[in-house]
Amino acid sequence: MEIKRDQYLNQLIRKKDNGRVKIITGVRRCGKSYLLFELFRKYLLEEGVVDAGANMELKAEELKKLMTGE
């Protein structure tokens, strides 16, 4: 069963070319990764974006390591 996330997907689509990084927040297991890596990626592929798999996932722990140099 797929839960539609049209409102959030449409927000991503409207803002995809504004030159800003998109940060998707929410409680655990609410569908953030599914929205980005399934629904948005599918949209990009349908639009003919060749590098649709080039989206980067960065976990908070990894960001902290990058920022602190650990």
Protein backbone atom coordinates (compact mmCIF):
# COMPACT_ATOMS: atom_id res chain seq x y z
CA MET A 1 0.00 0.00 0.00
CA GLU A 2 1.44 3.34 -1.05
CA ILE A 3 0.52 6.46 0.87
CA LYS A 4 0.28 9.46 -1.43
CA ARG A 5 2.36 12.44 -0.39
CA ASP A 6 1.22 14.77 -3.14
CA GLN A 7 1.41 17.97 -1.09
CA TYR A 8 5.02 17.39 -0.08
CA LEU A 9 6.02 16.06 -3.49
CA ASN A 10 4.53 19.12 -5.19
CA GLN A 11 6.47 21.39 -2.83
CA LEU A 12 9.71 19.64 -3.82
CA ILE A 13 8.83 19.88 -7.51
CA ARG A 14 7.97 23.60 -7.32
CA LYS A 15 11.24 24.41 -5.56
CA LYS A 16 13.58 22.00 -7.33
CA ASP A 17 15.37 24.62 -9.44
CA ASN A 18 15.77 27.39 -6.87
CA GLY A 19 19.43 26.58 -6.22
CA ARG A 20 18.91 25.69 -2.57
CA VAL A 21 19.53 22.45 -0.71
CA LYS A 22 16.32 20.68 0.25
CA ILE A 23 16.12 19.46 3.83
CA ILE A 24 13.25 17.16 4.68
CA THR A 25 12.50 16.89 8.39
CA GLY A 26 10.02 14.86 10.39
CA VAL A 27 9.60 12.26 13.07
CA ARG A 28 11.12 8.82 12.61
CA ARG A 29 9.51 6.50 10.07
CA CYS A 30 7.14 9.11 8.62
CA GLY A 31 8.26 8.61 5.01
CA LYS A 32 11.00 11.21 4.49
CA SER A 33 13.33 8.85 2.67
CA TYR A 34 10.49 7.34 0.68
CA LEU A 35 9.38 10.80 -0.43
CA LEU A 36 12.84 11.75 -1.61
CA PHE A 37 14.33 8.52 -2.89
CA GLU A 38 11.23 6.93 -4.38
CA LEU A 39 8.59 9.52 -5.24
CA PHE A 40 10.82 12.49 -6.13
CA ARG A 41 13.36 10.27 -7.91
CA LYS A 42 10.52 8.70 -9.95
CA TYR A 43 9.33 12.18 -10.91
CA LEU A 44 12.84 13.21 -12.00
CA LEU A 45 13.24 10.06 -14.10
CA GLU A 46 9.88 10.70 -15.77
CA GLU A 47 11.08 14.23 -16.56
CA GLY A 48 14.17 12.80 -18.25
CA VAL A 49 16.72 13.73 -15.61
CA VAL A 50 19.57 11.32 -16.30
CA ASP A 51 21.33 11.71 -12.94
CA ALA A 52 18.19 11.31 -10.83
CA GLY A 53 20.12 8.87 -8.63
CA ALA A 54 22.67 11.56 -7.80
CA ASN A 55 20.60 12.81 -4.84
CA MET A 56 22.75 12.70 -1.74
CA GLU A 57 21.60 11.40 1.60
CA LEU A 58 23.45 12.79 4.58
CA LYS A 59 22.69 11.61 8.07
CA ALA A 60 23.04 13.96 11.05
CA GLU A 61 25.95 11.92 12.42
CA GLU A 62 27.82 12.22 9.13
CA LEU A 63 27.19 15.96 8.98
CA LYS A 64 28.58 16.37 12.48
CA LYS A 65 31.74 14.48 11.48
CA LEU A 66 32.17 16.70 8.42
CA MET A 67 31.72 19.87 10.44
CA THR A 68 33.98 18.87 13.35
CA GLY A 69 36.63 17.08 11.30
CA GLU A 70 36.33 13.85 13.28
